C-alpha atoms as a PDB file:
ATOM      1  CA  MET A   1      20.447  61.596  19.534  1.00  0.00           C
ATOM      2  CA  GLN A   2      18.723  59.648  16.773  1.00  0.00           C
ATOM      3  CA  LYS A   3      17.800  56.063  17.705  1.00  0.00           C
ATOM      4  CA  ALA A   4      16.857  53.062  15.634  1.00  0.00           C
ATOM      5  CA  LYS A   5      14.539  50.308  16.680  1.00  0.00           C
ATOM      6  CA  LEU A   6      15.656  46.707  16.166  1.00  0.00           C
ATOM      7  CA  GLU A   7      12.853  44.353  15.199  1.00  0.00           C
ATOM      8  CA  LEU A   8      13.619  40.635  15.524  1.00  0.00           C
ATOM      9  CA  PRO A   9      11.596  37.574  16.465  1.00  0.00           C
ATOM     10  CA  VAL A  10      11.681  37.257  20.222  1.00  0.00           C
ATOM     11  CA  LYS A  11      13.763  34.045  20.003  1.00  0.00           C
ATOM     12  CA  GLN A  12      16.425  35.829  17.996  1.00  0.00           C
ATOM     13  CA  PHE A  13      16.445  38.734  20.482  1.00  0.00           C
ATOM     14  CA  HIS A  14      17.263  36.180  23.215  1.00  0.00           C
ATOM     15  CA  GLN A  15      19.919  34.512  21.061  1.00  0.00           C
ATOM     16  CA  LEU A  16      21.633  37.854  20.240  1.00  0.00           C
ATOM     17  CA  TYR A  17      21.476  38.954  23.916  1.00  0.00           C
ATOM     18  CA  ASP A  18      23.049  35.639  24.988  1.00  0.00           C
ATOM     19  CA  LEU A  19      25.677  35.852  22.270  1.00  0.00           C
ATOM     20  CA  LEU A  20      26.761  39.355  23.426  1.00  0.00           C
ATOM     21  CA  GLY A  21      26.933  38.076  27.035  1.00  0.00           C
ATOM     22  CA  HIS A  22      29.066  35.143  25.866  1.00  0.00           C
ATOM     23  CA  VAL A  23      31.425  37.502  23.938  1.00  0.00           C
ATOM     24  CA  LEU A  24      31.816  39.771  26.934  1.00  0.00           C
ATOM     25  CA  ASP A  25      32.364  36.801  29.377  1.00  0.00           C
ATOM     26  CA  HIS A  26      34.845  35.152  26.993  1.00  0.00           C
ATOM     27  CA  ASP A  27      36.917  38.228  26.522  1.00  0.00           C
ATOM     28  CA  ALA A  28      36.880  38.968  30.286  1.00  0.00           C
ATOM     29  CA  GLU A  29      38.166  35.423  30.974  1.00  0.00           C
ATOM     30  CA  ALA A  30      40.602  34.797  28.150  1.00  0.00           C
ATOM     31  CA  GLY A  31      41.221  38.117  26.492  1.00  0.00           C
ATOM     32  CA  TYR A  32      41.320  36.549  22.981  1.00  0.00           C
ATOM     33  CA  LEU A  33      39.183  39.147  21.290  1.00  0.00           C
ATOM     34  CA  GLU A  34      41.418  41.988  22.403  1.00  0.00           C
ATOM     35  CA  LEU A  35      38.524  44.323  23.199  1.00  0.00           C
ATOM     36  CA  ASP A  36      39.506  47.534  24.726  1.00  0.00           C
ATOM     37  CA  ASN A  37      37.481  49.155  27.506  1.00  0.00           C
ATOM     38  CA  LEU A  38      35.446  51.322  25.109  1.00  0.00           C
ATOM     39  CA  ASP A  39      34.443  48.272  23.009  1.00  0.00           C
ATOM     40  CA  ILE A  40      33.477  46.356  26.174  1.00  0.00           C
ATOM     41  CA  LYS A  41      31.430  49.287  27.421  1.00  0.00           C
ATOM     42  CA  PHE A  42      29.753  49.639  24.033  1.00  0.00           C
ATOM     43  CA  LEU A  43      28.805  45.964  23.851  1.00  0.00           C
ATOM     44  CA  ASP A  44      27.554  46.032  27.451  1.00  0.00           C
ATOM     45  CA  THR A  45      25.431  49.110  26.700  1.00  0.00           C
ATOM     46  CA  VAL A  46      23.985  47.437  23.529  1.00  0.00           C
ATOM     47  CA  ARG A  47      23.262  44.282  25.543  1.00  0.00           C
ATOM     48  CA  ASN A  48      21.484  46.205  28.320  1.00  0.00           C
ATOM     49  CA  GLU A  49      19.408  48.146  25.843  1.00  0.00           C
ATOM     50  CA  MET A  50      18.436  44.872  24.142  1.00  0.00           C
ATOM     51  CA  PHE A  51      17.394  43.516  27.491  1.00  0.00           C
ATOM     52  CA  ASN A  52      15.094  46.469  27.982  1.00  0.00           C
ATOM     53  CA  GLN A  53      13.525  45.942  24.522  1.00  0.00           C
ATOM     54  CA  ILE A  54      12.961  42.194  24.632  1.00  0.00           C
ATOM     55  CA  PRO A  55       9.214  41.678  24.653  1.00  0.00           C
ATOM     56  CA  ASP A  56       7.530  39.027  26.753  1.00  0.00           C
ATOM     57  CA  GLU A  57       6.682  35.960  24.728  1.00  0.00           C
ATOM     58  CA  GLU A  58       2.961  35.577  24.290  1.00  0.00           C
ATOM     59  CA  PRO A  59       1.596  32.240  25.396  1.00  0.00           C
ATOM     60  CA  ILE A  60       0.417  30.047  22.653  1.00  0.00           C
ATOM     61  CA  GLU A  61      -2.798  28.126  23.308  1.00  0.00           C
ATOM     62  CA  THR A  62      -3.680  24.979  21.452  1.00  0.00           C
ATOM     63  CA  THR A  63      -7.167  23.485  21.767  1.00  0.00           C
ATOM     64  CA  TYR A  64      -7.711  19.745  21.382  1.00  0.00           C
ATOM     65  CA  ALA A  65     -10.882  17.778  20.872  1.00  0.00           C
ATOM     66  CA  TRP A  66     -11.372  14.289  22.273  1.00  0.00           C
ATOM     67  CA  THR A  67     -14.170  11.779  22.725  1.00  0.00           C
ATOM     68  CA  THR A  68     -15.004   8.565  24.500  1.00  0.00           C
ATOM     69  CA  ALA A  69     -17.086   7.290  21.584  1.00  0.00           C
ATOM     70  CA  LYS A  70     -15.952   3.732  20.787  1.00  0.00           C
ATOM     71  CA  ASN A  71     -17.471   3.118  17.363  1.00  0.00           C
ATOM     72  CA  ALA A  72     -16.554   6.417  15.736  1.00  0.00           C
ATOM     73  CA  THR A  73     -15.453   6.446  12.094  1.00  0.00           C
ATOM     74  CA  ALA A  74     -11.683   7.236  11.756  1.00  0.00           C
ATOM     75  CA  ILE A  75     -11.689   8.664  15.288  1.00  0.00           C
ATOM     76  CA  THR A  76      -9.812   7.010  18.214  1.00  0.00           C
ATOM     77  CA  PRO A  77     -11.320   7.296  21.683  1.00  0.00           C
ATOM     78  CA  ILE A  78      -9.301   9.433  24.172  1.00  0.00           C
ATOM     79  CA  LYS A  79      -6.922  10.588  21.387  1.00  0.00           C
ATOM     80  CA  LEU A  80      -6.341  14.361  21.231  1.00  0.00           C
ATOM     81  CA  TYR A  81      -7.105  15.950  17.887  1.00  0.00           C
ATOM     82  CA  GLU A  82      -5.830  19.476  17.351  1.00  0.00           C
ATOM     83  CA  VAL A  83      -8.692  21.820  16.569  1.00  0.00           C
ATOM     84  CA  LYS A  84      -7.743  23.768  13.425  1.00  0.00           C
ATOM     85  CA  ASP A  85     -10.391  26.460  13.669  1.00  0.00           C
ATOM     86  CA  PHE A  86     -13.843  26.978  15.068  1.00  0.00           C
ATOM     87  CA  SER A  87     -16.639  28.065  12.738  1.00  0.00           C
ATOM     88  CA  ASP A  88     -18.017  31.563  13.134  1.00  0.00           C
ATOM     89  CA  SER A  89     -20.866  30.241  15.264  1.00  0.00           C
ATOM     90  CA  GLY A  90     -18.398  28.331  17.499  1.00  0.00           C
ATOM     91  CA  LEU A  91     -20.424  25.154  17.148  1.00  0.00           C
ATOM     92  CA  GLY A  92     -18.242  23.479  14.532  1.00  0.00           C
ATOM     93  CA  PHE A  93     -14.498  22.930  13.967  1.00  0.00           C
ATOM     94  CA  HIS A  94     -11.960  21.115  11.799  1.00  0.00           C
ATOM     95  CA  ILE A  95      -9.671  18.270  12.815  1.00  0.00           C
ATOM     96  CA  THR A  96      -7.544  15.763  10.923  1.00  0.00           C
ATOM     97  CA  SER A  97      -9.018  12.241  11.228  1.00  0.00           C
ATOM     98  CA  ASP A  98      -7.041   9.108  11.707  1.00  0.00           C
ATOM     99  CA  ARG A  99      -7.206   8.561   7.925  1.00  0.00           C
ATOM    100  CA  GLY A 100      -5.360  11.891   7.399  1.00  0.00           C
ATOM    101  CA  SER A 101      -8.224  13.854   5.969  1.00  0.00           C
ATOM    102  CA  GLU A 102      -9.509  17.154   7.366  1.00  0.00           C
ATOM    103  CA  ILE A 103     -13.139  16.825   8.532  1.00  0.00           C
ATOM    104  CA  PHE A 104     -15.639  19.259   9.876  1.00  0.00           C
ATOM    105  CA  CYS A 105     -17.217  18.251  13.182  1.00  0.00           C
ATOM    106  CA  ILE A 106     -19.759  19.814  15.483  1.00  0.00           C
ATOM    107  CA  LYS A 107     -19.448  19.907  19.257  1.00  0.00           C
ATOM    108  CA  ASN A 108     -22.703  18.180  20.195  1.00  0.00           C
ATOM    109  CA  GLY A 109     -24.193  15.319  18.162  1.00  0.00           C
ATOM    110  CA  CYS A 110     -21.365  14.937  15.655  1.00  0.00           C
ATOM    111  CA  ALA A 111     -22.166  12.314  12.914  1.00  0.00           C
ATOM    112  CA  HIS A 112     -18.481  11.298  12.893  1.00  0.00           C
ATOM    113  CA  LEU A 113     -18.817   9.973  16.423  1.00  0.00           C
ATOM    114  CA  SER A 114     -22.069   8.017  16.125  1.00  0.00           C
ATOM    115  CA  GLU A 115     -24.749   7.423  13.523  1.00  0.00           C
ATOM    116  CA  ASP A 116     -27.534   8.451  15.920  1.00  0.00           C
ATOM    117  CA  LYS A 117     -25.662  11.704  16.757  1.00  0.00           C
ATOM    118  CA  ASN A 118     -25.844  11.044  20.542  1.00  0.00           C
ATOM    119  CA  LYS A 119     -22.082  11.451  21.192  1.00  0.00           C
ATOM    120  CA  ASN A 120     -20.303  14.789  21.904  1.00  0.00           C
ATOM    121  CA  TRP A 121     -16.761  16.109  21.677  1.00  0.00           C
ATOM    122  CA  ASN A 122     -14.882  17.239  24.812  1.00  0.00           C
ATOM    123  CA  PHE A 123     -12.196  19.965  24.657  1.00  0.00           C
ATOM    124  CA  THR A 124      -9.022  20.824  26.474  1.00  0.00           C
ATOM    125  CA  THR A 125      -6.803  23.838  25.924  1.00  0.00           C
ATOM    126  CA  ILE A 126      -3.065  23.647  26.617  1.00  0.00           C
ATOM    127  CA  THR A 127      -0.891  26.738  27.072  1.00  0.00           C
ATOM    128  CA  ASN A 128       2.870  26.706  26.361  1.00  0.00           C
ATOM    129  CA  ASP A 129       3.806  28.669  29.469  1.00  0.00           C
END
């Protein structure tokens, strides 16, 4: 038997799986759809096959930078700034400042935090699991 592979975003896989379950439950309760036993078996088979193909959602990690520096330029202390990307060396990164501009910062001794470069960034990573 020839088989096709359905490729959908994971969220749409879940939506379609739930919709088929709703159709099957609705017809079983009310009978409005007038599905015969072969149709019900077919929908149930498709739904079960979909369940076997639904991939696990990958956790999404977001890293935020924050500081306790009080006199920083366009940076609020203890505010989380989403890190856009780290440089190749891993020592620098981009954030959007309070003024709305994208700036490049360095982890230790960032000039945006203090003129004498004695303040550092802290980081926290949050996972959507």
